[in-house]
N, C-alpha and C. Protein backbone atom coordinates (compact mmCIF):
# COMPACT_ATOMS: atom_id res chain seq x y z
N MET A 1 -17.73 -4.14 -29.07
CA MET A 1 -18.25 -3.28 -27.91
C MET A 1 -19.28 -2.10 -28.08
N GLN A 2 -19.15 -1.07 -28.64
CA GLN A 2 -20.41 -0.31 -28.85
C GLN A 2 -21.58 -0.36 -29.40
N GLN A 3 -21.42 -1.92 -30.51
CA GLN A 3 -22.86 -2.07 -30.92
C GLN A 3 -22.76 -2.93 -29.17
N VAL A 4 -22.46 -3.85 -29.21
CA VAL A 4 -23.28 -3.61 -27.20
C VAL A 4 -23.85 -2.92 -26.80
N THR A 5 -23.43 -1.61 -26.36
CA THR A 5 -24.02 -0.57 -25.57
C THR A 5 -25.13 -0.35 -26.70
N ASP A 6 -24.97 -0.01 -28.04
CA ASP A 6 -25.79 0.16 -28.79
C ASP A 6 -27.38 -0.14 -28.78
N LEU A 7 -27.29 -1.67 -28.62
CA LEU A 7 -28.03 -2.93 -28.06
C LEU A 7 -28.82 -2.48 -27.04
N GLU A 8 -27.70 -2.69 -25.68
CA GLU A 8 -28.47 -2.38 -24.20
C GLU A 8 -28.97 -0.86 -24.65
N THR A 9 -28.75 0.23 -24.82
CA THR A 9 -29.72 0.91 -25.10
C THR A 9 -30.92 1.18 -25.69
N GLU A 10 -30.70 0.35 -26.89
CA GLU A 10 -32.18 0.24 -27.62
C GLU A 10 -32.59 -0.59 -27.07
N MET A 11 -32.58 -2.13 -26.26
CA MET A 11 -33.50 -2.60 -25.73
C MET A 11 -33.99 -2.11 -24.34
N LYS A 12 -33.33 -1.20 -23.78
CA LYS A 12 -33.45 -0.61 -22.92
C LYS A 12 -35.17 0.46 -22.97
N GLU A 13 -35.14 0.88 -24.37
CA GLU A 13 -35.63 2.19 -24.52
C GLU A 13 -36.90 1.47 -25.34
N ARG A 14 -36.76 0.33 -25.72
CA ARG A 14 -37.95 -0.68 -26.64
C ARG A 14 -38.58 -1.01 -25.60
N PRO A 15 -40.13 -0.83 -25.23
CA PRO A 15 -41.24 -1.68 -24.87
C PRO A 15 -40.99 -3.08 -24.71
N ALA A 16 -40.88 -3.72 -23.65
CA ALA A 16 -40.71 -5.46 -23.50
C ALA A 16 -42.01 -6.23 -24.45
N THR A 17 -41.34 -7.06 -25.53
CA THR A 17 -42.04 -7.52 -26.30
C THR A 17 -41.73 -9.23 -26.04
N LYS A 18 -42.45 -9.89 -26.41
CA LYS A 18 -42.16 -11.32 -26.36
C LYS A 18 -42.01 -11.83 -27.17
N THR A 19 -41.29 -11.78 -28.16
CA THR A 19 -41.33 -12.14 -29.45
C THR A 19 -40.23 -12.71 -29.57
N SER A 20 -39.92 -13.88 -30.40
CA SER A 20 -38.80 -14.86 -30.16
C SER A 20 -37.52 -14.35 -30.57
N ARG A 21 -37.45 -13.67 -31.26
CA ARG A 21 -36.59 -13.04 -31.94
C ARG A 21 -36.18 -11.88 -30.85
N SER A 22 -36.97 -10.59 -30.45
CA SER A 22 -35.99 -9.70 -29.41
C SER A 22 -35.76 -10.37 -28.08
N GLY A 23 -36.59 -11.98 -27.94
CA GLY A 23 -36.09 -12.26 -26.96
C GLY A 23 -34.50 -13.27 -27.12
N SER A 24 -34.57 -13.71 -28.09
CA SER A 24 -33.13 -14.13 -28.85
C SER A 24 -31.80 -12.93 -28.45
N LEU A 25 -32.25 -11.72 -28.75
CA LEU A 25 -31.63 -10.61 -29.18
C LEU A 25 -31.04 -9.92 -27.39
N ALA A 26 -32.86 -10.36 -26.80
CA ALA A 26 -31.96 -9.51 -25.61
C ALA A 26 -31.18 -10.28 -24.77
N ASP A 27 -31.45 -11.69 -24.83
CA ASP A 27 -30.56 -12.56 -24.47
C ASP A 27 -29.19 -12.51 -25.05
N VAL A 28 -28.63 -12.34 -26.09
CA VAL A 28 -27.33 -11.90 -26.51
C VAL A 28 -26.64 -10.99 -25.75
N VAL A 29 -27.72 -9.92 -25.78
CA VAL A 29 -27.32 -8.28 -25.33
C VAL A 29 -26.91 -9.01 -23.49
N VAL A 30 -27.67 -9.45 -23.18
CA VAL A 30 -27.81 -9.67 -20.92
C VAL A 30 -26.56 -10.55 -21.17
N ALA A 31 -26.39 -11.47 -22.21
CA ALA A 31 -25.03 -12.21 -21.86
C ALA A 31 -23.63 -11.47 -22.32
N ALA A 32 -23.88 -10.53 -23.22
CA ALA A 32 -22.91 -9.78 -23.71
C ALA A 32 -22.60 -8.84 -22.52
N VAL A 33 -23.18 -8.21 -21.67
CA VAL A 33 -23.06 -7.37 -21.16
C VAL A 33 -22.72 -7.98 -19.60
N ALA A 34 -23.52 -9.46 -19.21
CA ALA A 34 -23.23 -9.95 -18.11
C ALA A 34 -21.21 -10.61 -18.31
N GLU A 35 -21.09 -11.17 -19.30
CA GLU A 35 -19.80 -11.34 -19.68
C GLU A 35 -18.66 -10.04 -19.70
N SER A 36 -19.12 -8.43 -20.34
CA SER A 36 -18.38 -7.35 -20.15
C SER A 36 -18.12 -7.23 -18.61
N GLU A 37 -19.05 -7.10 -17.81
CA GLU A 37 -18.98 -6.99 -16.56
C GLU A 37 -18.17 -7.92 -15.55
N ALA A 38 -18.37 -9.37 -16.07
CA ALA A 38 -17.42 -10.42 -15.16
C ALA A 38 -16.07 -10.08 -15.88
N SER A 39 -15.65 -9.72 -17.25
CA SER A 39 -14.06 -9.59 -17.25
C SER A 39 -13.94 -8.42 -16.82
N LYS A 40 -14.61 -7.23 -16.86
CA LYS A 40 -13.84 -6.19 -15.39
C LYS A 40 -13.96 -6.24 -13.71
N GLU A 41 -14.43 -7.55 -13.81
CA GLU A 41 -14.71 -7.65 -12.54
C GLU A 41 -13.62 -8.24 -12.45
N LEU A 42 -13.06 -9.43 -13.15
CA LEU A 42 -12.03 -10.32 -13.28
C LEU A 42 -10.70 -9.34 -13.30
N ASN A 43 -10.87 -8.64 -14.12
CA ASN A 43 -9.68 -7.94 -13.79
C ASN A 43 -9.15 -7.19 -13.07
N SER A 44 -10.21 -6.63 -12.63
CA SER A 44 -10.22 -5.58 -11.12
C SER A 44 -9.49 -6.75 -9.88
N VAL A 45 -10.06 -7.93 -9.61
CA VAL A 45 -9.60 -8.88 -8.85
C VAL A 45 -8.49 -9.22 -9.48
N LYS A 46 -7.94 -9.16 -10.45
CA LYS A 46 -6.45 -10.00 -10.92
C LYS A 46 -5.26 -8.96 -10.38
N LYS A 47 -5.72 -7.62 -10.46
CA LYS A 47 -5.44 -5.94 -10.13
C LYS A 47 -4.71 -5.90 -8.92
N GLU A 48 -6.22 -6.20 -8.10
CA GLU A 48 -6.22 -6.79 -6.44
C GLU A 48 -4.83 -7.37 -6.23
N LEU A 49 -4.96 -8.22 -6.83
CA LEU A 49 -3.95 -9.25 -6.50
C LEU A 49 -2.70 -9.08 -6.79
N GLU A 50 -2.03 -8.63 -7.69
CA GLU A 50 -1.18 -8.22 -7.94
C GLU A 50 -0.77 -7.49 -7.20
N ASP A 51 -1.65 -6.35 -6.68
CA ASP A 51 -1.01 -5.36 -5.61
C ASP A 51 -0.83 -6.18 -4.21
N SER A 52 -1.73 -6.93 -3.73
CA SER A 52 -1.24 -7.89 -2.58
C SER A 52 -0.10 -8.33 -2.64
N LYS A 53 -0.41 -8.83 -3.71
CA LYS A 53 1.44 -9.51 -3.84
C LYS A 53 2.19 -8.91 -3.70
N ALA A 54 2.53 -7.68 -4.16
CA ALA A 54 3.68 -6.55 -4.08
C ALA A 54 3.84 -6.31 -2.91
N ALA A 55 2.27 -5.87 -2.06
CA ALA A 55 2.93 -5.69 -0.71
C ALA A 55 3.05 -6.57 0.44
N LEU A 56 3.14 -7.74 -0.32
CA LEU A 56 3.58 -8.81 1.12
C LEU A 56 4.83 -8.85 0.85
N ALA A 57 5.37 -8.75 -0.37
CA ALA A 57 6.73 -8.96 -0.62
C ALA A 57 7.37 -7.72 0.17
N LYS A 58 6.99 -6.90 -0.15
CA LYS A 58 7.24 -5.53 0.67
C LYS A 58 7.73 -5.34 1.73
N ALA A 59 6.79 -6.35 2.84
CA ALA A 59 6.21 -6.32 3.89
C ALA A 59 7.24 -7.58 4.35
N GLU A 60 7.48 -8.91 3.45
CA GLU A 60 8.50 -9.98 4.00
C GLU A 60 10.10 -9.12 3.69
N ALA A 61 10.03 -8.41 3.08
CA ALA A 61 12.02 -8.03 3.05
C ALA A 61 11.88 -6.49 3.97
N ASP A 62 10.71 -6.02 4.41
CA ASP A 62 11.03 -5.01 5.29
C ASP A 62 10.85 -5.64 7.07
N LEU A 63 10.20 -7.01 7.12
CA LEU A 63 10.24 -8.09 7.88
C LEU A 63 11.83 -8.60 8.21
N SER A 64 12.67 -9.18 7.37
CA SER A 64 13.31 -9.43 7.23
C SER A 64 14.81 -8.74 7.36
N ALA A 65 14.77 -7.17 7.16
CA ALA A 65 15.70 -6.43 7.33
C ALA A 65 15.41 -6.20 8.75
N LEU A 66 14.11 -6.22 9.62
CA LEU A 66 14.28 -5.58 11.20
C LEU A 66 14.54 -6.68 12.07
N LYS A 67 14.42 -8.10 11.26
CA LYS A 67 14.94 -9.20 12.13
C LYS A 67 16.54 -9.08 11.85
N LYS A 68 17.24 -8.70 10.70
CA LYS A 68 18.69 -8.23 10.80
C LYS A 68 19.11 -7.17 11.71
N GLN A 69 18.35 -6.24 11.81
CA GLN A 69 18.69 -5.19 12.51
C GLN A 69 18.89 -5.35 13.93
N ALA A 70 17.64 -6.17 14.37
CA ALA A 70 17.58 -6.75 15.70
C ALA A 70 18.52 -7.24 16.15
N GLU A 71 18.74 -8.63 15.12
CA GLU A 71 20.55 -9.38 15.90
C GLU A 71 21.33 -8.62 15.59
N GLY A 72 21.61 -7.26 15.14
CA GLY A 72 22.85 -6.58 15.14
C GLY A 72 22.81 -5.88 16.65
N THR A 73 21.63 -5.59 16.80
CA THR A 73 21.21 -4.80 17.97
C THR A 73 21.49 -5.54 19.39
N SER A 74 21.05 -6.44 19.21
CA SER A 74 21.53 -7.34 20.31
C SER A 74 22.82 -8.17 20.40
N THR A 75 23.58 -8.64 19.36
CA THR A 75 24.92 -8.62 19.43
C THR A 75 25.84 -7.74 19.94
N GLU A 76 25.34 -6.25 20.29
CA GLU A 76 25.80 -4.84 20.31
C GLU A 76 25.90 -5.06 21.23
N TYR A 77 24.56 -5.60 22.03
CA TYR A 77 24.18 -5.48 23.40
C TYR A 77 25.03 -6.15 24.15
N ASP A 78 25.38 -7.14 23.84
CA ASP A 78 25.82 -8.25 24.79
C ASP A 78 27.19 -7.84 24.02
N ARG A 79 28.00 -7.15 23.54
CA ARG A 79 29.77 -6.96 23.27
C ARG A 79 29.26 -5.56 24.47
N LEU A 80 28.62 -4.92 24.55
CA LEU A 80 28.83 -3.37 25.43
C LEU A 80 28.63 -4.37 26.95
N LEU A 81 27.28 -5.04 27.21
CA LEU A 81 27.44 -6.01 28.36
C LEU A 81 29.05 -6.67 28.96
N THR A 82 29.14 -7.15 27.95
CA THR A 82 30.79 -7.73 28.23
C THR A 82 31.71 -6.91 28.79
N GLU A 83 31.50 -5.58 28.33
CA GLU A 83 32.85 -4.54 27.89
C GLU A 83 32.28 -3.69 29.41
N HIS A 84 31.38 -3.82 29.57
CA HIS A 84 31.09 -2.94 31.15
C HIS A 84 31.57 -4.34 32.09
N SER A 85 31.42 -5.18 32.14
CA SER A 85 31.02 -6.03 33.46
C SER A 85 32.88 -6.30 33.30
N LYS A 86 33.93 -5.86 31.98
CA LYS A 86 35.34 -6.15 32.43
C LYS A 86 35.71 -4.37 33.12
N LEU A 87 34.83 -3.48 32.68
CA LEU A 87 35.32 -2.38 32.71
C LEU A 87 35.34 -2.06 34.62
N GLN A 88 33.93 -2.33 35.02
CA GLN A 88 33.58 -2.70 36.22
C GLN A 88 34.83 -3.83 37.11
N GLU A 89 34.62 -4.53 36.99
CA GLU A 89 36.29 -5.48 37.19
C GLU A 89 37.24 -4.71 37.63
N LYS A 90 38.05 -4.08 36.42
CA LYS A 90 39.18 -3.19 36.78
C LYS A 90 38.75 -2.19 37.32
N LEU A 91 37.59 -1.24 37.69
CA LEU A 91 37.49 -0.97 38.33
C LEU A 91 37.72 -0.44 39.76
N GLU A 92 36.81 -2.11 40.50
CA GLU A 92 36.71 -2.45 41.37
C GLU A 92 38.15 -3.05 42.10
N ALA A 93 39.25 -3.64 40.93
CA ALA A 93 40.19 -3.96 41.49
C ALA A 93 41.23 -2.72 42.01
N GLY A 94 40.84 -1.42 41.29
CA GLY A 94 41.66 -0.42 41.20
C GLY A 94 41.54 0.31 42.40
N GLU A 95 40.02 0.09 42.93
CA GLU A 95 39.68 0.50 43.85
C GLU A 95 39.97 -0.60 45.43
N GLN A 96 40.26 -1.25 45.28
CA GLN A 96 40.74 -1.80 46.24
C GLN A 96 42.27 -2.15 46.29
N GLU A 97 43.34 -1.91 45.28
CA GLU A 97 44.67 -1.38 45.44
C GLU A 97 44.51 -0.14 46.33
N SER A 98 43.92 0.62 45.89
CA SER A 98 44.26 2.25 46.52
C SER A 98 43.38 1.98 48.27
N LYS A 99 42.73 0.93 48.32
CA LYS A 99 42.31 1.05 49.87
C LYS A 99 43.62 0.82 50.59
N LYS A 100 44.44 -0.72 50.08
CA LYS A 100 45.44 -1.15 50.37
C LYS A 100 46.70 -0.04 50.49
N ASP A 101 47.20 0.57 49.75
CA ASP A 101 47.87 1.89 49.55
C ASP A 101 47.83 2.63 50.79
N LEU A 102 46.80 2.85 51.46
CA LEU A 102 46.40 3.85 52.17
C LEU A 102 46.57 3.33 53.43
């Protein structure tokens, strides 16, 4: 990798010549640099993909937990409504008996 960097620097500093050997060397350097940059970009994209997958898995787990919590809340709400209704009926029945007693 250091050789590629040295060649890159040398090619930038050297005036452009059209000899077959320097053209070939330049092609090799350009190809190596392009491959290195592509490799870095590929690794970066792979890391981003892994991070996105992890975030997706966490979001799905959070969603599942929220759904379970909502189901539990809904069940409790229904139970409380039923209990309230029964208590209202008892209260009304008690009020009617007290009116009869008067």
